Amino acid sequence: MVWWRGNGLWIGLLVAACIAAADKCLGHIGVAIACLASAAILFGVRGSLEDSSLFSIPTWFWWPGLFALGILVLFKG
């Protein structure tokens, strides 16, 4: 089983650190903002991360998931 490939581990740690820091500073609104910002960043660099994955989930799938999670947290709190 492949847990990570390419830069998946580092990108996953970056996203997790952004979300955790935003939660500490701003609460659930910060989590929503961090998820949306992470989705935008991953959407912007999606071409250079084609071969990356974390926990066998390819990074091309992360930005729609983070976008949906950000919208869900924003409206459901």
Protein backbone atom coordinates (compact mmCIF):
# COMPACT_ATOMS: atom_id res chain seq x y z
CA MET A 1 0.00 0.00 0.00
CA VAL A 2 1.31 3.42 -0.93
CA TRP A 3 0.70 6.03 1.76
CA TRP A 4 2.14 8.99 -0.08
CA ARG A 5 3.72 9.67 -3.40
CA GLY A 6 5.54 12.71 -4.71
CA ASN A 7 4.90 15.83 -2.64
CA GLY A 8 1.67 14.53 -1.11
CA LEU A 9 3.04 14.34 2.42
CA TRP A 10 4.35 17.92 2.42
CA ILE A 11 1.22 19.35 0.81
CA GLY A 12 -0.94 17.48 3.34
CA LEU A 13 1.10 18.85 6.24
CA LEU A 14 0.84 22.37 4.83
CA VAL A 15 -2.94 22.14 4.47
CA ALA A 16 -3.32 20.66 7.97
CA ALA A 17 -1.11 23.36 9.51
CA CYS A 18 -3.09 26.13 7.79
CA ILE A 19 -6.41 24.73 9.00
CA ALA A 20 -5.15 24.16 12.55
CA ALA A 21 -3.67 27.67 12.81
CA ALA A 22 -6.84 29.25 11.42
CA ASP A 23 -8.95 27.30 13.92
CA LYS A 24 -6.83 28.56 16.81
CA CYS A 25 -7.06 32.17 15.63
CA LEU A 26 -10.56 32.54 14.20
CA GLY A 27 -12.61 29.49 15.15
CA HIS A 28 -14.93 27.80 12.66
CA ILE A 29 -14.91 30.81 10.32
CA GLY A 30 -11.13 30.47 10.15
CA VAL A 31 -11.44 26.78 9.32
CA ALA A 32 -13.80 27.62 6.45
CA ILE A 33 -11.46 30.33 5.17
CA ALA A 34 -8.42 28.04 5.45
CA CYS A 35 -10.20 25.22 3.59
CA LEU A 36 -11.25 27.58 0.80
CA ALA A 37 -7.77 29.12 0.61
CA SER A 38 -6.13 25.68 0.53
CA ALA A 39 -8.52 24.59 -2.22
CA ALA A 40 -7.63 27.70 -4.23
CA ILE A 41 -3.90 27.09 -3.79
CA LEU A 42 -4.19 23.43 -4.78
CA PHE A 43 -6.32 24.38 -7.78
CA GLY A 44 -3.62 26.83 -8.84
CA VAL A 45 -0.76 24.32 -8.61
CA ARG A 46 -2.68 21.25 -9.76
CA GLY A 47 -0.53 20.86 -12.86
CA SER A 48 2.67 20.37 -10.87
CA LEU A 49 1.15 17.90 -8.38
CA GLU A 50 -0.23 15.32 -10.82
CA ASP A 51 1.77 12.39 -9.43
CA SER A 52 1.31 13.27 -5.74
CA SER A 53 -0.96 11.54 -3.26
CA LEU A 54 -1.42 11.20 0.50
CA PHE A 55 -3.00 8.10 2.05
CA SER A 56 -3.49 6.90 -1.54
CA ILE A 57 -5.82 9.85 -2.34
CA PRO A 58 -4.48 11.78 -5.34
CA THR A 59 -4.00 15.52 -4.87
CA TRP A 60 -6.17 16.28 -7.91
CA PHE A 61 -9.14 15.22 -5.76
CA TRP A 62 -8.22 17.39 -2.76
CA TRP A 63 -9.27 20.80 -4.02
CA PRO A 64 -12.93 19.88 -4.70
CA GLY A 65 -13.08 18.12 -1.33
CA LEU A 66 -11.56 21.07 0.51
CA PHE A 67 -13.86 23.48 -1.31
CA ALA A 68 -16.93 21.43 -0.34
CA LEU A 69 -15.70 21.13 3.25
CA GLY A 70 -15.07 24.88 3.44
CA ILE A 71 -18.57 25.69 2.18
CA LEU A 72 -20.10 23.14 4.56
CA VAL A 73 -18.24 24.54 7.58
CA LEU A 74 -19.05 28.10 6.57
CA PHE A 75 -22.79 27.52 6.44
CA LYS A 76 -23.21 24.83 9.10
CA GLY A 77 -20.66 26.18 11.58
